[in-house]
Amino acid sequence: MKLTQERFRILSAIFEEIVTYYGPSKFHPKRPTLNIFHDGSHRSMGEHNEVKHGQEVSVNVALCDNMKDAVGTLIHEYHHHHQHPASYWRYHRMYGASGNPYEIEADRVAARDLHLFWPR
């Protein structure tokens, strides 16, 4: 999917709704920043990362087929913001990315709650 100014604006607004709906994390003192980008060579649709200034939720629209995918990715990645970071990586080492219970939970939450944010 191409990243247009309108899509950037819509995804930014939806991210604000997601942050308001789910509230702050008990594991991170600050809310994450949002990074929306387009990079066809990048390996994933989204990420939740620790960055110099705190936490960041990223969505790579180049790997999203449509806005529904992008919004689902925002929900999924923001859900990681609410998960215990050390447990996430422990599960990742134990089960791999596809078997990580935190990934499975984030997928389930995104599928369950997508209708709350999309379509608008």
PDB file of N, CA and C in Angstrom:
ATOM      1  N   MET A   1       0.844  -1.162   0.000  1.00  0.00           N
ATOM      2  CA  MET A   1       0.000   0.000   0.000  1.00  0.00           C
ATOM      3  C   MET A   1       0.899   1.238   0.000  1.00  0.00           C
ATOM      4  N   LYS A   2       0.536   2.222  -0.769  1.00  0.00           N
ATOM      5  CA  LYS A   2       1.300   3.467  -0.797  1.00  0.00           C
ATOM      6  C   LYS A   2       0.982   4.320   0.429  1.00  0.00           C
ATOM      7  N   LEU A   3       1.976   5.075   0.856  1.00  0.00           N
ATOM      8  CA  LEU A   3       1.790   5.983   1.988  1.00  0.00           C
ATOM      9  C   LEU A   3       1.510   7.378   1.448  1.00  0.00           C
ATOM     10  N   THR A   4       0.273   7.803   1.588  1.00  0.00           N
ATOM     11  CA  THR A   4      -0.120   9.149   1.179  1.00  0.00           C
ATOM     12  C   THR A   4      -0.276  10.010   2.420  1.00  0.00           C
ATOM     13  N   GLN A   5      -0.358  11.311   2.215  1.00  0.00           N
ATOM     14  CA  GLN A   5      -0.579  12.216   3.353  1.00  0.00           C
ATOM     15  C   GLN A   5      -1.900  11.898   4.043  1.00  0.00           C
ATOM     16  N   GLU A   6      -2.921  11.565   3.262  1.00  0.00           N
ATOM     17  CA  GLU A   6      -4.229  11.259   3.834  1.00  0.00           C
ATOM     18  C   GLU A   6      -4.170   9.976   4.670  1.00  0.00           C
ATOM     19  N   ARG A   7      -3.511   8.965   4.169  1.00  0.00           N
ATOM     20  CA  ARG A   7      -3.378   7.722   4.942  1.00  0.00           C
ATOM     21  C   ARG A   7      -2.559   7.954   6.207  1.00  0.00           C
ATOM     22  N   PHE A   8      -1.511   8.754   6.102  1.00  0.00           N
ATOM     23  CA  PHE A   8      -0.701   9.091   7.272  1.00  0.00           C
ATOM     24  C   PHE A   8      -1.568   9.788   8.325  1.00  0.00           C
ATOM     25  N   ARG A   9      -2.382  10.745   7.891  1.00  0.00           N
ATOM     26  CA  ARG A   9      -3.261  11.480   8.797  1.00  0.00           C
ATOM     27  C   ARG A   9      -4.267  10.541   9.462  1.00  0.00           C
ATOM     28  N   ILE A  10      -4.875   9.662   8.669  1.00  0.00           N
ATOM     29  CA  ILE A  10      -5.875   8.736   9.207  1.00  0.00           C
ATOM     30  C   ILE A  10      -5.241   7.767  10.205  1.00  0.00           C
ATOM     31  N   LEU A  11      -4.099   7.195   9.849  1.00  0.00           N
ATOM     32  CA  LEU A  11      -3.436   6.253  10.768  1.00  0.00           C
ATOM     33  C   LEU A  11      -2.986   6.942  12.047  1.00  0.00           C
ATOM     34  N   SER A  12      -2.528   8.164  11.948  1.00  0.00           N
ATOM     35  CA  SER A  12      -2.133   8.915  13.150  1.00  0.00           C
ATOM     36  C   SER A  12      -3.336   9.151  14.049  1.00  0.00           C
ATOM     37  N   ALA A  13      -4.468   9.507  13.466  1.00  0.00           N
ATOM     38  CA  ALA A  13      -5.684   9.734  14.252  1.00  0.00           C
ATOM     39  C   ALA A  13      -6.165   8.443  14.897  1.00  0.00           C
ATOM     40  N   ILE A  14      -6.115   7.350  14.154  1.00  0.00           N
ATOM     41  CA  ILE A  14      -6.529   6.058  14.706  1.00  0.00           C
ATOM     42  C   ILE A  14      -5.595   5.637  15.836  1.00  0.00           C
ATOM     43  N   PHE A  15      -4.304   5.891  15.692  1.00  0.00           N
ATOM     44  CA  PHE A  15      -3.375   5.561  16.766  1.00  0.00           C
ATOM     45  C   PHE A  15      -3.752   6.306  18.043  1.00  0.00           C
ATOM     46  N   GLU A  16      -4.142   7.564  17.928  1.00  0.00           N
ATOM     47  CA  GLU A  16      -4.583   8.321  19.109  1.00  0.00           C
ATOM     48  C   GLU A  16      -5.798   7.657  19.752  1.00  0.00           C
ATOM     49  N   GLU A  17      -6.724   7.177  18.927  1.00  0.00           N
ATOM     50  CA  GLU A  17      -7.904   6.479  19.449  1.00  0.00           C
ATOM     51  C   GLU A  17      -7.502   5.178  20.157  1.00  0.00           C
ATOM     52  N   ILE A  18      -6.550   4.461  19.579  1.00  0.00           N
ATOM     53  CA  ILE A  18      -6.069   3.210  20.178  1.00  0.00           C
ATOM     54  C   ILE A  18      -5.431   3.477  21.538  1.00  0.00           C
ATOM     55  N   VAL A  19      -4.580   4.491  21.612  1.00  0.00           N
ATOM     56  CA  VAL A  19      -3.918   4.844  22.870  1.00  0.00           C
ATOM     57  C   VAL A  19      -4.957   5.227  23.925  1.00  0.00           C
ATOM     58  N   THR A  20      -5.953   5.984  23.532  1.00  0.00           N
ATOM     59  CA  THR A  20      -7.006   6.386  24.467  1.00  0.00           C
ATOM     60  C   THR A  20      -7.823   5.180  24.918  1.00  0.00           C
ATOM     61  N   TYR A  21      -8.169   4.318  24.003  1.00  0.00           N
ATOM     62  CA  TYR A  21      -9.007   3.156  24.315  1.00  0.00           C
ATOM     63  C   TYR A  21      -8.306   2.193  25.275  1.00  0.00           C
ATOM     64  N   TYR A  22      -7.055   1.848  25.001  1.00  0.00           N
ATOM     65  CA  TYR A  22      -6.340   0.860  25.824  1.00  0.00           C
ATOM     66  C   TYR A  22      -5.641   1.475  27.032  1.00  0.00           C
ATOM     67  N   GLY A  23      -5.382   2.770  26.985  1.00  0.00           N
ATOM     68  CA  GLY A  23      -4.764   3.444  28.117  1.00  0.00           C
ATOM     69  C   GLY A  23      -3.265   3.197  28.212  1.00  0.00           C
ATOM     70  N   PRO A  24      -2.670   3.712  29.297  1.00  0.00           N
ATOM     71  CA  PRO A  24      -1.217   3.593  29.458  1.00  0.00           C
ATOM     72  C   PRO A  24      -0.790   2.182  29.865  1.00  0.00           C
ATOM     73  N   SER A  25       0.475   1.912  29.650  1.00  0.00           N
ATOM     74  CA  SER A  25       1.067   0.629  30.019  1.00  0.00           C
ATOM     75  C   SER A  25       1.575   0.700  31.455  1.00  0.00           C
ATOM     76  N   LYS A  26       1.460  -0.400  32.179  1.00  0.00           N
ATOM     77  CA  LYS A  26       2.049  -0.440  33.516  1.00  0.00           C
ATOM     78  C   LYS A  26       3.532  -0.783  33.452  1.00  0.00           C
ATOM     79  N   PHE A  27       4.028  -1.143  32.269  1.00  0.00           N
ATOM     80  CA  PHE A  27       5.432  -1.515  32.117  1.00  0.00           C
ATOM     81  C   PHE A  27       6.309  -0.398  31.559  1.00  0.00           C
ATOM     82  N   HIS A  28       5.697   0.616  30.979  1.00  0.00           N
ATOM     83  CA  HIS A  28       6.457   1.714  30.369  1.00  0.00           C
ATOM     84  C   HIS A  28       5.872   3.043  30.849  1.00  0.00           C
ATOM     85  N   PRO A  29       6.709   3.941  31.383  1.00  0.00           N
ATOM     86  CA  PRO A  29       6.187   5.184  31.957  1.00  0.00           C
ATOM     87  C   PRO A  29       5.634   6.167  30.920  1.00  0.00           C
ATOM     88  N   LYS A  30       6.131   6.114  29.698  1.00  0.00           N
ATOM     89  CA  LYS A  30       5.680   7.042  28.660  1.00  0.00           C
ATOM     90  C   LYS A  30       4.901   6.307  27.586  1.00  0.00           C
ATOM     91  N   ARG A  31       4.012   7.033  26.947  1.00  0.00           N
ATOM     92  CA  ARG A  31       3.320   6.445  25.795  1.00  0.00           C
ATOM     93  C   ARG A  31       4.302   6.357  24.630  1.00  0.00           C
ATOM     94  N   PRO A  32       4.126   5.389  23.750  1.00  0.00           N
ATOM     95  CA  PRO A  32       5.061   5.258  22.632  1.00  0.00           C
ATOM     96  C   PRO A  32       4.814   6.319  21.565  1.00  0.00           C
ATOM     97  N   THR A  33       5.860   6.629  20.843  1.00  0.00           N
ATOM     98  CA  THR A  33       5.708   7.479  19.668  1.00  0.00           C
ATOM     99  C   THR A  33       5.272   6.586  18.507  1.00  0.00           C
ATOM    100  N   LEU A  34       4.791   7.205  17.453  1.00  0.00           N
ATOM    101  CA  LEU A  34       4.322   6.481  16.279  1.00  0.00           C
ATOM    102  C   LEU A  34       5.258   6.742  15.111  1.00  0.00           C
ATOM    103  N   ASN A  35       5.646   5.680  14.443  1.00  0.00           N
ATOM    104  CA  ASN A  35       6.477   5.766  13.249  1.00  0.00           C
ATOM    105  C   ASN A  35       5.747   5.047  12.119  1.00  0.00           C
ATOM    106  N   ILE A  36       5.277   5.807  11.135  1.00  0.00           N
ATOM    107  CA  ILE A  36       4.622   5.243   9.955  1.00  0.00           C
ATOM    108  C   ILE A  36       5.602   5.403   8.808  1.00  0.00           C
ATOM    109  N   PHE A  37       5.941   4.287   8.153  1.00  0.00           N
ATOM    110  CA  PHE A  37       6.929   4.379   7.085  1.00  0.00           C
ATOM    111  C   PHE A  37       6.600   3.410   5.949  1.00  0.00           C
ATOM    112  N   HIS A  38       7.297   3.576   4.841  1.00  0.00           N
ATOM    113  CA  HIS A  38       7.122   2.740   3.658  1.00  0.00           C
ATOM    114  C   HIS A  38       8.489   2.228   3.234  1.00  0.00           C
ATOM    115  N   ASP A  39       8.715   0.918   3.425  1.00  0.00           N
ATOM    116  CA  ASP A  39      10.003   0.317   3.072  1.00  0.00           C
ATOM    117  C   ASP A  39       9.764  -1.127   2.655  1.00  0.00           C
ATOM    118  N   GLY A  40       9.747  -1.360   1.351  1.00  0.00           N
ATOM    119  CA  GLY A  40       9.483  -2.690   0.826  1.00  0.00           C
ATOM    120  C   GLY A  40      10.539  -3.711   1.180  1.00  0.00           C
ATOM    121  N   SER A  41      11.734  -3.276   1.580  1.00  0.00           N
ATOM    122  CA  SER A  41      12.791  -4.220   1.932  1.00  0.00           C
ATOM    123  C   SER A  41      12.774  -4.591   3.416  1.00  0.00           C
ATOM    124  N   HIS A  42      11.949  -3.901   4.196  1.00  0.00           N
ATOM    125  CA  HIS A  42      11.862  -4.178   5.634  1.00  0.00           C
ATOM    126  C   HIS A  42      11.151  -5.509   5.843  1.00  0.00           C
ATOM    127  N   ARG A  43      11.462  -6.214   6.919  1.00  0.00           N
ATOM    128  CA  ARG A  43      10.984  -7.578   7.111  1.00  0.00           C
ATOM    129  C   ARG A  43       9.608  -7.727   7.747  1.00  0.00           C
ATOM    130  N   SER A  44       9.067  -6.683   8.372  1.00  0.00           N
ATOM    131  CA  SER A  44       7.792  -6.875   9.066  1.00  0.00           C
ATOM    132  C   SER A  44       6.842  -5.701   8.855  1.00  0.00           C
ATOM    133  N   MET A  45       5.544  -5.994   9.071  1.00  0.00           N
ATOM    134  CA  MET A  45       4.514  -4.962   8.936  1.00  0.00           C
ATOM    135  C   MET A  45       4.561  -3.975  10.094  1.00  0.00           C
ATOM    136  N   GLY A  46       5.016  -4.416  11.240  1.00  0.00           N
ATOM    137  CA  GLY A  46       5.036  -3.533  12.388  1.00  0.00           C
ATOM    138  C   GLY A  46       5.995  -4.008  13.457  1.00  0.00           C
ATOM    139  N   GLU A  47       6.294  -3.081  14.372  1.00  0.00           N
ATOM    140  CA  GLU A  47       7.194  -3.387  15.476  1.00  0.00           C
ATOM    141  C   GLU A  47       6.867  -2.497  16.664  1.00  0.00           C
ATOM    142  N   HIS A  48       7.179  -3.020  17.838  1.00  0.00           N
ATOM    143  CA  HIS A  48       7.178  -2.219  19.064  1.00  0.00           C
ATOM    144  C   HIS A  48       8.607  -2.281  19.576  1.00  0.00           C
ATOM    145  N   ASN A  49       9.263  -1.137  19.627  1.00  0.00           N
ATOM    146  CA  ASN A  49      10.694  -1.108  19.952  1.00  0.00           C
ATOM    147  C   ASN A  49      11.005  -0.133  21.064  1.00  0.00           C
ATOM    148  N   GLU A  50      12.091  -0.436  21.746  1.00  0.00           N
ATOM    149  CA  GLU A  50      12.685   0.525  22.671  1.00  0.00           C
ATOM    150  C   GLU A  50      13.605   1.413  21.834  1.00  0.00           C
ATOM    151  N   VAL A  51      13.417   2.708  21.939  1.00  0.00           N
ATOM    152  CA  VAL A  51      14.267   3.671  21.239  1.00  0.00           C
ATOM    153  C   VAL A  51      14.863   4.629  22.265  1.00  0.00           C
ATOM    154  N   LYS A  52      15.746   5.481  21.825  1.00  0.00           N
ATOM    155  CA  LYS A  52      16.478   6.358  22.748  1.00  0.00           C
ATOM    156  C   LYS A  52      15.549   7.157  23.665  1.00  0.00           C
ATOM    157  N   HIS A  53      14.460   7.652  23.147  1.00  0.00           N
ATOM    158  CA  HIS A  53      13.568   8.515  23.932  1.00  0.00           C
ATOM    159  C   HIS A  53      12.422   7.757  24.603  1.00  0.00           C
ATOM    160  N   GLY A  54      12.376   6.436  24.494  1.00  0.00           N
ATOM    161  CA  GLY A  54      11.298   5.670  25.123  1.00  0.00           C
ATOM    162  C   GLY A  54      10.884   4.489  24.266  1.00  0.00           C
ATOM    163  N   GLN A  55       9.616   4.388  23.988  1.00  0.00           N
ATOM    164  CA  GLN A  55       9.063   3.296  23.190  1.00  0.00           C
ATOM    165  C   GLN A  55       8.528   3.850  21.867  1.00  0.00           C
ATOM    166  N   GLU A  56       8.487   2.972  20.862  1.00  0.00           N
ATOM    167  CA  GLU A  56       7.991   3.380  19.548  1.00  0.00           C
ATOM    168  C   GLU A  56       7.164   2.248  18.957  1.00  0.00           C
ATOM    169  N   VAL A  57       6.015   2.599  18.405  1.00  0.00           N
ATOM    170  CA  VAL A  57       5.191   1.685  17.625  1.00  0.00           C
ATOM    171  C   VAL A  57       5.382   2.076  16.169  1.00  0.00           C
ATOM    172  N   SER A  58       5.760   1.074  15.351  1.00  0.00           N
ATOM    173  CA  SER A  58       6.004   1.320  13.932  1.00  0.00           C
ATOM    174  C   SER A  58       5.062   0.487  13.090  1.00  0.00           C
ATOM    175  N   VAL A  59       4.612   1.073  11.979  1.00  0.00           N
ATOM    176  CA  VAL A  59       3.853   0.323  10.985  1.00  0.00           C
ATOM    177  C   VAL A  59       4.469   0.607   9.620  1.00  0.00           C
ATOM    178  N   ASN A  60       4.773  -0.462   8.916  1.00  0.00           N
ATOM    179  CA  ASN A  60       5.376  -0.379   7.585  1.00  0.00           C
ATOM    180  C   ASN A  60       4.269  -0.610   6.561  1.00  0.00           C
ATOM    181  N   VAL A  61       3.739   0.459   6.005  1.00  0.00           N
ATOM    182  CA  VAL A  61       2.597   0.333   5.103  1.00  0.00           C
ATOM    183  C   VAL A  61       2.962  -0.350   3.788  1.00  0.00           C
ATOM    184  N   ALA A  62       4.248  -0.432   3.460  1.00  0.00           N
ATOM    185  CA  ALA A  62       4.664  -1.119   2.229  1.00  0.00           C
ATOM    186  C   ALA A  62       4.263  -2.592   2.269  1.00  0.00           C
ATOM    187  N   LEU A  63       4.194  -3.186   3.461  1.00  0.00           N
ATOM    188  CA  LEU A  63       3.840  -4.595   3.592  1.00  0.00           C
ATOM    189  C   LEU A  63       2.374  -4.815   3.933  1.00  0.00           C
ATOM    190  N   CYS A  64       1.616  -3.731   4.045  1.00  0.00           N
ATOM    191  CA  CYS A  64       0.179  -3.815   4.311  1.00  0.00           C
ATOM    192  C   CYS A  64      -0.565  -3.771   2.976  1.00  0.00           C
ATOM    193  N   ASP A  65      -1.516  -4.675   2.799  1.00  0.00           N
ATOM    194  CA  ASP A  65      -2.298  -4.675   1.563  1.00  0.00           C
ATOM    195  C   ASP A  65      -3.305  -3.539   1.519  1.00  0.00           C
ATOM    196  N   ASN A  66      -3.764  -3.110   2.691  1.00  0.00           N
ATOM    197  CA  ASN A  66      -4.820  -2.096   2.756  1.00  0.00           C
ATOM    198  C   ASN A  66      -4.807  -1.439   4.137  1.00  0.00           C
ATOM    199  N   MET A  67      -5.701  -0.489   4.332  1.00  0.00           N
ATOM    200  CA  MET A  67      -5.773   0.236   5.605  1.00  0.00           C
ATOM    201  C   MET A  67      -6.192  -0.693   6.745  1.00  0.00           C
ATOM    202  N   LYS A  68      -7.013  -1.671   6.462  1.00  0.00           N
ATOM    203  CA  LYS A  68      -7.421  -2.628   7.492  1.00  0.00           C
ATOM    204  C   LYS A  68      -6.191  -3.340   8.072  1.00  0.00           C
ATOM    205  N   ASP A  69      -5.273  -3.769   7.218  1.00  0.00           N
ATOM    206  CA  ASP A  69      -4.034  -4.394   7.687  1.00  0.00           C
ATOM    207  C   ASP A  69      -3.216  -3.435   8.545  1.00  0.00           C
ATOM    208  N   ALA A  70      -3.119  -2.182   8.107  1.00  0.00           N
ATOM    209  CA  ALA A  70      -2.329  -1.186   8.845  1.00  0.00           C
ATOM    210  C   ALA A  70      -2.932  -0.917  10.222  1.00  0.00           C
ATOM    211  N   VAL A  71      -4.248  -0.801  10.301  1.00  0.00           N
ATOM    212  CA  VAL A  71      -4.905  -0.550  11.589  1.00  0.00           C
ATOM    213  C   VAL A  71      -4.754  -1.770  12.508  1.00  0.00           C
ATOM    214  N   GLY A  72      -4.914  -2.966  11.964  1.00  0.00           N
ATOM    215  CA  GLY A  72      -4.699  -4.174  12.753  1.00  0.00           C
ATOM    216  C   GLY A  72      -3.284  -4.248  13.299  1.00  0.00           C
ATOM    217  N   THR A  73      -2.323  -3.809  12.484  1.00  0.00           N
ATOM    218  CA  THR A  73      -0.927  -3.787  12.926  1.00  0.00           C
ATOM    219  C   THR A  73      -0.730  -2.787  14.059  1.00  0.00           C
ATOM    220  N   LEU A  74      -1.363  -1.622  13.973  1.00  0.00           N
ATOM    221  CA  LEU A  74      -1.259  -0.642  15.060  1.00  0.00           C
ATOM    222  C   LEU A  74      -1.801  -1.216  16.365  1.00  0.00           C
ATOM    223  N   ILE A  75      -2.937  -1.890  16.296  1.00  0.00           N
ATOM    224  CA  ILE A  75      -3.525  -2.489  17.504  1.00  0.00           C
ATOM    225  C   ILE A  75      -2.573  -3.558  18.060  1.00  0.00           C
ATOM    226  N   HIS A  76      -2.102  -4.428  17.181  1.00  0.00           N
ATOM    227  CA  HIS A  76      -1.191  -5.503  17.578  1.00  0.00           C
ATOM    228  C   HIS A  76       0.052  -4.945  18.274  1.00  0.00           C
ATOM    229  N   GLU A  77       0.686  -3.963  17.657  1.00  0.00           N
ATOM    230  CA  GLU A  77       1.930  -3.418  18.214  1.00  0.00           C
ATOM    231  C   GLU A  77       1.684  -2.632  19.493  1.00  0.00           C
ATOM    232  N   TYR A  78       0.576  -1.908  19.575  1.00  0.00           N
ATOM    233  CA  TYR A  78       0.285  -1.195  20.824  1.00  0.00           C
ATOM    234  C   TYR A  78       0.002  -2.196  21.948  1.00  0.00           C
ATOM    235  N   HIS A  79      -0.564  -3.343  21.605  1.00  0.00           N
ATOM    236  CA  HIS A  79      -0.788  -4.361  22.628  1.00  0.00           C
ATOM    237  C   HIS A  79       0.543  -4.832  23.218  1.00  0.00           C
ATOM    238  N   HIS A  80       1.576  -4.925  22.385  1.00  0.00           N
ATOM    239  CA  HIS A  80       2.909  -5.280  22.907  1.00  0.00           C
ATOM    240  C   HIS A  80       3.391  -4.250  23.929  1.00  0.00           C
ATOM    241  N   HIS A  81       2.984  -2.998  23.775  1.00  0.00           N
ATOM    242  CA  HIS A  81       3.351  -1.952  24.731  1.00  0.00           C
ATOM    243  C   HIS A  81       2.816  -2.284  26.131  1.00  0.00           C
ATOM    244  N   HIS A  82       1.756  -3.080  26.191  1.00  0.00           N
ATOM    245  CA  HIS A  82       1.130  -3.455  27.466  1.00  0.00           C
ATOM    246  C   HIS A  82       1.651  -4.779  28.016  1.00  0.00           C
ATOM    247  N   GLN A  83       2.585  -5.394  27.339  1.00  0.00           N
ATOM    248  CA  GLN A  83       3.123  -6.676  27.773  1.00  0.00           C
ATOM    249  C   GLN A  83       4.478  -6.492  28.443  1.00  0.00           C
ATOM    250  N   HIS A  84       4.782  -7.386  29.359  1.00  0.00           N
ATOM    251  CA  HIS A  84       6.043  -7.325  30.099  1.00  0.00           C
ATOM    252  C   HIS A  84       7.205  -7.598  29.143  1.00  0.00           C
ATOM    253  N   PRO A  85       8.136  -6.643  28.989  1.00  0.00           N
ATOM    254  CA  PRO A  85       9.211  -6.793  28.003  1.00  0.00           C
ATOM    255  C   PRO A  85      10.109  -8.009  28.231  1.00  0.00           C
ATOM    256  N   ALA A  86      10.510  -8.270  29.459  1.00  0.00           N
ATOM    257  CA  ALA A  86      11.397  -9.409  29.714  1.00  0.00           C
ATOM    258  C   ALA A  86      10.686 -10.726  29.408  1.00  0.00           C
ATOM    259  N   SER A  87       9.399 -10.803  29.742  1.00  0.00           N
ATOM    260  CA  SER A  87       8.635 -12.020  29.441  1.00  0.00           C
ATOM    261  C   SER A  87       8.494 -12.217  27.943  1.00  0.00           C
ATOM    262  N   TYR A  88       8.293 -11.115  27.207  1.00  0.00           N
ATOM    263  CA  TYR A  88       8.186 -11.216  25.750  1.00  0.00           C
ATOM    264  C   TYR A  88       9.429 -11.910  25.192  1.00  0.00           C
ATOM    265  N   TRP A  89      10.599 -11.421  25.577  1.00  0.00           N
ATOM    266  CA  TRP A  89      11.840 -11.987  25.016  1.00  0.00           C
ATOM    267  C   TRP A  89      12.120 -13.392  25.536  1.00  0.00           C
ATOM    268  N   ARG A  90      11.720 -13.678  26.755  1.00  0.00           N
ATOM    269  CA  ARG A  90      11.874 -15.041  27.270  1.00  0.00           C
ATOM    270  C   ARG A  90      11.013 -15.999  26.448  1.00  0.00           C
ATOM    271  N   TYR A  91       9.751 -15.623  26.200  1.00  0.00           N
ATOM    272  CA  TYR A  91       8.868 -16.447  25.372  1.00  0.00           C
ATOM    273  C   TYR A  91       9.400 -16.569  23.947  1.00  0.00           C
ATOM    274  N   HIS A  92       9.966 -15.478  23.440  1.00  0.00           N
ATOM    275  CA  HIS A  92      10.513 -15.485  22.087  1.00  0.00           C
ATOM    276  C   HIS A  92      11.647 -16.514  21.967  1.00  0.00           C
ATOM    277  N   ARG A  93      12.511 -16.562  22.976  1.00  0.00           N
ATOM    278  CA  ARG A  93      13.603 -17.548  22.971  1.00  0.00           C
ATOM    279  C   ARG A  93      13.066 -18.974  23.127  1.00  0.00           C
ATOM    280  N   MET A  94      12.021 -19.138  23.917  1.00  0.00           N
ATOM    281  CA  MET A  94      11.475 -20.466  24.176  1.00  0.00           C
ATOM    282  C   MET A  94      10.675 -21.018  22.994  1.00  0.00           C
ATOM    283  N   TYR A  95       9.849 -20.160  22.376  1.00  0.00           N
ATOM    284  CA  TYR A  95       8.878 -20.628  21.388  1.00  0.00           C
ATOM    285  C   TYR A  95       9.092 -20.100  19.976  1.00  0.00           C
ATOM    286  N   GLY A  96      10.015 -19.162  19.800  1.00  0.00           N
ATOM    287  CA  GLY A  96      10.173 -18.529  18.492  1.00  0.00           C
ATOM    288  C   GLY A  96       9.087 -17.485  18.278  1.00  0.00           C
ATOM    289  N   ALA A  97       9.186 -16.770  17.184  1.00  0.00           N
ATOM    290  CA  ALA A  97       8.246 -15.674  16.923  1.00  0.00           C
ATOM    291  C   ALA A  97       6.812 -16.179  16.745  1.00  0.00           C
ATOM    292  N   SER A  98       6.629 -17.242  15.982  1.00  0.00           N
ATOM    293  CA  SER A  98       5.267 -17.695  15.679  1.00  0.00           C
ATOM    294  C   SER A  98       4.601 -18.393  16.865  1.00  0.00           C
ATOM    295  N   GLY A  99       5.371 -18.957  17.784  1.00  0.00           N
ATOM    296  CA  GLY A  99       4.797 -19.636  18.939  1.00  0.00           C
ATOM    297  C   GLY A  99       4.782 -18.814  20.212  1.00  0.00           C
ATOM    298  N   ASN A 100       5.309 -17.597  20.155  1.00  0.00           N
ATOM    299  CA  ASN A 100       5.363 -16.726  21.326  1.00  0.00           C
ATOM    300  C   ASN A 100       3.940 -16.412  21.793  1.00  0.00           C
ATOM    301  N   PRO A 101       3.584 -16.764  23.033  1.00  0.00           N
ATOM    302  CA  PRO A 101       2.231 -16.489  23.516  1.00  0.00           C
ATOM    303  C   PRO A 101       1.845 -15.009  23.462  1.00  0.00           C
ATOM    304  N   TYR A 102       2.832 -14.118  23.615  1.00  0.00           N
ATOM    305  CA  TYR A 102       2.525 -12.685  23.521  1.00  0.00           C
ATOM    306  C   TYR A 102       2.181 -12.289  22.090  1.00  0.00           C
ATOM    307  N   GLU A 103       2.801 -12.908  21.098  1.00  0.00           N
ATOM    308  CA  GLU A 103       2.439 -12.642  19.698  1.00  0.00           C
ATOM    309  C   GLU A 103       1.040 -13.172  19.394  1.00  0.00           C
ATOM    310  N   ILE A 104       0.759 -14.361  19.897  1.00  0.00           N
ATOM    311  CA  ILE A 104      -0.564 -14.963  19.686  1.00  0.00           C
ATOM    312  C   ILE A 104      -1.641 -14.098  20.321  1.00  0.00           C
ATOM    313  N   GLU A 105      -1.372 -13.609  21.537  1.00  0.00           N
ATOM    314  CA  GLU A 105      -2.326 -12.745  22.229  1.00  0.00           C
ATOM    315  C   GLU A 105      -2.523 -11.434  21.472  1.00  0.00           C
ATOM    316  N   ALA A 106      -1.445 -10.823  20.981  1.00  0.00           N
ATOM    317  CA  ALA A 106      -1.560  -9.565  20.239  1.00  0.00           C
ATOM    318  C   ALA A 106      -2.350  -9.762  18.946  1.00  0.00           C
ATOM    319  N   ASP A 107      -2.151 -10.893  18.278  1.00  0.00           N
ATOM    320  CA  ASP A 107      -2.948 -11.209  17.082  1.00  0.00           C
ATOM    321  C   ASP A 107      -4.423 -11.332  17.428  1.00  0.00           C
ATOM    322  N   ARG A 108      -4.711 -12.008  18.524  1.00  0.00           N
ATOM    323  CA  ARG A 108      -6.103 -12.208  18.944  1.00  0.00           C
ATOM    324  C   ARG A 108      -6.783 -10.882  19.297  1.00  0.00           C
ATOM    325  N   VAL A 109      -6.078 -10.027  20.018  1.00  0.00           N
ATOM    326  CA  VAL A 109      -6.639  -8.724  20.387  1.00  0.00           C
ATOM    327  C   VAL A 109      -6.883  -7.875  19.141  1.00  0.00           C
ATOM    328  N   ALA A 110      -5.931  -7.872  18.216  1.00  0.00           N
ATOM    329  CA  ALA A 110      -6.092  -7.087  16.988  1.00  0.00           C
ATOM    330  C   ALA A 110      -7.298  -7.571  16.185  1.00  0.00           C
ATOM    331  N   ALA A 111      -7.465  -8.883  16.059  1.00  0.00           N
ATOM    332  CA  ALA A 111      -8.609  -9.434  15.323  1.00  0.00           C
ATOM    333  C   ALA A 111      -9.925  -9.116  16.031  1.00  0.00           C
ATOM    334  N   ARG A 112      -9.919  -9.225  17.349  1.00  0.00           N
ATOM    335  CA  ARG A 112     -11.132  -8.983  18.129  1.00  0.00           C
ATOM    336  C   ARG A 112     -11.568  -7.524  18.081  1.00  0.00           C
ATOM    337  N   ASP A 113     -10.591  -6.604  18.142  1.00  0.00           N
ATOM    338  CA  ASP A 113     -10.920  -5.185  18.314  1.00  0.00           C
ATOM    339  C   ASP A 113     -10.830  -4.346  17.051  1.00  0.00           C
ATOM    340  N   LEU A 114     -10.454  -4.931  15.938  1.00  0.00           N
ATOM    341  CA  LEU A 114     -10.316  -4.159  14.707  1.00  0.00           C
ATOM    342  C   LEU A 114     -11.575  -3.361  14.380  1.00  0.00           C
ATOM    343  N   HIS A 115     -12.737  -3.958  14.590  1.00  0.00           N
ATOM    344  CA  HIS A 115     -13.999  -3.283  14.257  1.00  0.00           C
ATOM    345  C   HIS A 115     -14.216  -1.992  15.060  1.00  0.00           C
ATOM    346  N   LEU A 116     -13.513  -1.827  16.174  1.00  0.00           N
ATOM    347  CA  LEU A 116     -13.658  -0.615  16.979  1.00  0.00           C
ATOM    348  C   LEU A 116     -13.005   0.595  16.308  1.00  0.00           C
ATOM    349  N   PHE A 117     -12.042   0.346  15.423  1.00  0.00           N
ATOM    350  CA  PHE A 117     -11.267   1.428  14.830  1.00  0.00           C
ATOM    351  C   PHE A 117     -11.364   1.496  13.302  1.00  0.00           C
ATOM    352  N   TRP A 118     -11.788   0.376  12.673  1.00  0.00           N
ATOM    353  CA  TRP A 118     -11.891   0.341  11.211  1.00  0.00           C
ATOM    354  C   TRP A 118     -13.021  -0.603  10.801  1.00  0.00           C
ATOM    355  N   PRO A 119     -13.875  -0.262   9.833  1.00  0.00           N
ATOM    356  CA  PRO A 119     -13.830   0.996   9.074  1.00  0.00           C
ATOM    357  C   PRO A 119     -14.329   2.153   9.909  1.00  0.00           C
ATOM    358  N   ARG A 120     -13.957   3.326   9.465  1.00  0.00           N
ATOM    359  CA  ARG A 120     -14.318   4.549  10.181  1.00  0.00           C
ATOM    360  C   ARG A 120     -15.707   4.980   9.804  1.00  0.00           C
TER     361      ARG A 120
END
